Amino acid sequence: MQKFLGGIDYPASKEDILASARDAGADDAVLDALGRIPDREYDAPTAVSSAVSDAQ
């Protein structure tokens, strides 16, 4: 998942993260996982990864 989050400028909203991952060619599994994270601002890729883990 981290390879799809590489070009994002943080802080980033959930919508920004989803759009960037989509543009980077993320597959449906990654987009589904990102779609389940809370709708808030994220300050780093590690925060996104943590939110994905918590949302599963």
N, C-alpha and C. Protein backbone atom coordinates (compact mmCIF):
# COMPACT_ATOMS: atom_id res chain seq x y z
N MET A 1 0.82 -1.19 0.00
CA MET A 1 0.00 0.00 0.00
C MET A 1 0.86 1.26 0.00
N GLN A 2 2.00 1.22 0.68
CA GLN A 2 2.83 2.42 0.79
C GLN A 2 3.27 2.96 -0.58
N LYS A 3 3.44 2.07 -1.56
CA LYS A 3 3.89 2.56 -2.87
C LYS A 3 2.84 3.44 -3.52
N PHE A 4 1.58 3.29 -3.14
CA PHE A 4 0.51 4.13 -3.70
C PHE A 4 0.33 5.43 -2.93
N LEU A 5 1.01 5.55 -1.79
CA LEU A 5 0.88 6.75 -0.96
C LEU A 5 2.10 7.66 -1.08
N GLY A 6 3.05 7.29 -1.93
CA GLY A 6 4.32 7.99 -2.02
C GLY A 6 4.26 9.43 -2.47
N GLY A 7 3.38 9.78 -3.38
CA GLY A 7 3.39 11.12 -3.93
C GLY A 7 2.44 12.10 -3.27
N ILE A 8 1.91 11.72 -2.13
CA ILE A 8 0.91 12.56 -1.46
C ILE A 8 1.59 13.61 -0.60
N ASP A 9 1.08 14.84 -0.66
CA ASP A 9 1.53 15.90 0.24
C ASP A 9 0.66 15.87 1.49
N TYR A 10 1.31 15.75 2.63
CA TYR A 10 0.59 15.69 3.91
C TYR A 10 0.64 17.03 4.60
N PRO A 11 -0.38 17.38 5.39
CA PRO A 11 -1.56 16.59 5.69
C PRO A 11 -2.46 16.41 4.47
N ALA A 12 -3.17 15.27 4.46
CA ALA A 12 -4.05 14.94 3.33
C ALA A 12 -5.36 14.39 3.85
N SER A 13 -6.43 14.72 3.17
CA SER A 13 -7.75 14.21 3.53
C SER A 13 -7.92 12.79 2.99
N LYS A 14 -8.92 12.11 3.47
CA LYS A 14 -9.24 10.78 2.96
C LYS A 14 -9.48 10.85 1.44
N GLU A 15 -10.20 11.85 0.99
CA GLU A 15 -10.49 11.98 -0.44
C GLU A 15 -9.20 12.19 -1.25
N ASP A 16 -8.28 13.01 -0.72
CA ASP A 16 -6.99 13.21 -1.40
C ASP A 16 -6.21 11.90 -1.49
N ILE A 17 -6.24 11.14 -0.42
CA ILE A 17 -5.51 9.87 -0.38
C ILE A 17 -6.10 8.89 -1.38
N LEU A 18 -7.42 8.79 -1.41
CA LEU A 18 -8.08 7.89 -2.37
C LEU A 18 -7.78 8.30 -3.81
N ALA A 19 -7.86 9.59 -4.08
CA ALA A 19 -7.60 10.07 -5.45
C ALA A 19 -6.16 9.79 -5.86
N SER A 20 -5.22 10.03 -4.98
CA SER A 20 -3.81 9.79 -5.30
C SER A 20 -3.54 8.30 -5.52
N ALA A 21 -4.12 7.46 -4.68
CA ALA A 21 -3.93 6.02 -4.84
C ALA A 21 -4.53 5.55 -6.16
N ARG A 22 -5.71 6.06 -6.49
CA ARG A 22 -6.36 5.71 -7.76
C ARG A 22 -5.47 6.12 -8.95
N ASP A 23 -4.95 7.34 -8.87
CA ASP A 23 -4.08 7.85 -9.94
C ASP A 23 -2.78 7.05 -10.06
N ALA A 24 -2.32 6.49 -8.94
CA ALA A 24 -1.08 5.71 -8.93
C ALA A 24 -1.31 4.27 -9.37
N GLY A 25 -2.56 3.92 -9.68
CA GLY A 25 -2.83 2.58 -10.18
C GLY A 25 -3.15 1.55 -9.12
N ALA A 26 -3.59 1.99 -7.95
CA ALA A 26 -3.92 1.05 -6.88
C ALA A 26 -5.04 0.11 -7.32
N ASP A 27 -4.95 -1.15 -6.89
CA ASP A 27 -5.99 -2.12 -7.25
C ASP A 27 -7.20 -1.97 -6.33
N ASP A 28 -8.23 -2.74 -6.64
CA ASP A 28 -9.49 -2.63 -5.89
C ASP A 28 -9.32 -2.94 -4.41
N ALA A 29 -8.45 -3.89 -4.07
CA ALA A 29 -8.25 -4.24 -2.66
C ALA A 29 -7.69 -3.05 -1.87
N VAL A 30 -6.74 -2.36 -2.47
CA VAL A 30 -6.15 -1.19 -1.80
C VAL A 30 -7.19 -0.08 -1.70
N LEU A 31 -7.91 0.18 -2.77
CA LEU A 31 -8.93 1.24 -2.75
C LEU A 31 -10.04 0.91 -1.75
N ASP A 32 -10.42 -0.36 -1.64
CA ASP A 32 -11.44 -0.75 -0.66
C ASP A 32 -10.93 -0.51 0.76
N ALA A 33 -9.67 -0.88 1.01
CA ALA A 33 -9.09 -0.68 2.34
C ALA A 33 -9.03 0.81 2.68
N LEU A 34 -8.61 1.63 1.73
CA LEU A 34 -8.55 3.07 1.98
C LEU A 34 -9.95 3.66 2.13
N GLY A 35 -10.91 3.08 1.46
CA GLY A 35 -12.29 3.57 1.57
C GLY A 35 -12.89 3.36 2.95
N ARG A 36 -12.31 2.44 3.73
CA ARG A 36 -12.82 2.16 5.08
C ARG A 36 -12.19 3.01 6.18
N ILE A 37 -11.16 3.80 5.84
CA ILE A 37 -10.53 4.61 6.89
C ILE A 37 -11.44 5.78 7.26
N PRO A 38 -11.31 6.28 8.48
CA PRO A 38 -12.14 7.43 8.90
C PRO A 38 -11.90 8.66 8.03
N ASP A 39 -12.93 9.45 7.86
CA ASP A 39 -12.87 10.66 7.03
C ASP A 39 -12.28 11.79 7.87
N ARG A 40 -10.96 11.94 7.77
CA ARG A 40 -10.25 12.99 8.53
C ARG A 40 -8.96 13.33 7.81
N GLU A 41 -8.20 14.24 8.37
CA GLU A 41 -6.89 14.60 7.82
C GLU A 41 -5.84 13.62 8.38
N TYR A 42 -4.92 13.21 7.52
CA TYR A 42 -3.82 12.33 7.91
C TYR A 42 -2.52 13.09 7.71
N ASP A 43 -1.61 12.94 8.70
CA ASP A 43 -0.39 13.74 8.66
C ASP A 43 0.83 13.01 8.12
N ALA A 44 0.71 11.71 7.85
CA ALA A 44 1.84 10.93 7.35
C ALA A 44 1.36 9.60 6.81
N PRO A 45 2.15 8.95 5.95
CA PRO A 45 1.77 7.63 5.46
C PRO A 45 1.56 6.61 6.57
N THR A 46 2.33 6.74 7.64
CA THR A 46 2.17 5.79 8.75
C THR A 46 0.81 5.94 9.41
N ALA A 47 0.27 7.16 9.45
CA ALA A 47 -1.06 7.38 10.01
C ALA A 47 -2.13 6.71 9.15
N VAL A 48 -1.93 6.75 7.84
CA VAL A 48 -2.87 6.09 6.92
C VAL A 48 -2.80 4.58 7.13
N SER A 49 -1.61 4.03 7.19
CA SER A 49 -1.44 2.59 7.39
C SER A 49 -2.06 2.13 8.70
N SER A 50 -1.87 2.92 9.74
CA SER A 50 -2.47 2.60 11.04
C SER A 50 -4.00 2.62 10.96
N ALA A 51 -4.55 3.61 10.26
CA ALA A 51 -6.01 3.70 10.12
C ALA A 51 -6.55 2.51 9.32
N VAL A 52 -5.81 2.09 8.30
CA VAL A 52 -6.24 0.93 7.52
C VAL A 52 -6.25 -0.32 8.42
N SER A 53 -5.22 -0.49 9.22
CA SER A 53 -5.17 -1.64 10.12
C SER A 53 -6.31 -1.63 11.12
N ASP A 54 -6.61 -0.46 11.66
CA ASP A 54 -7.69 -0.32 12.64
C ASP A 54 -9.06 -0.55 12.02
N ALA A 55 -9.22 -0.23 10.74
CA ALA A 55 -10.52 -0.32 10.08
C ALA A 55 -10.86 -1.73 9.62
N GLN A 56 -9.91 -2.64 9.67
CA GLN A 56 -10.17 -4.00 9.19
C GLN A 56 -10.92 -4.84 10.17
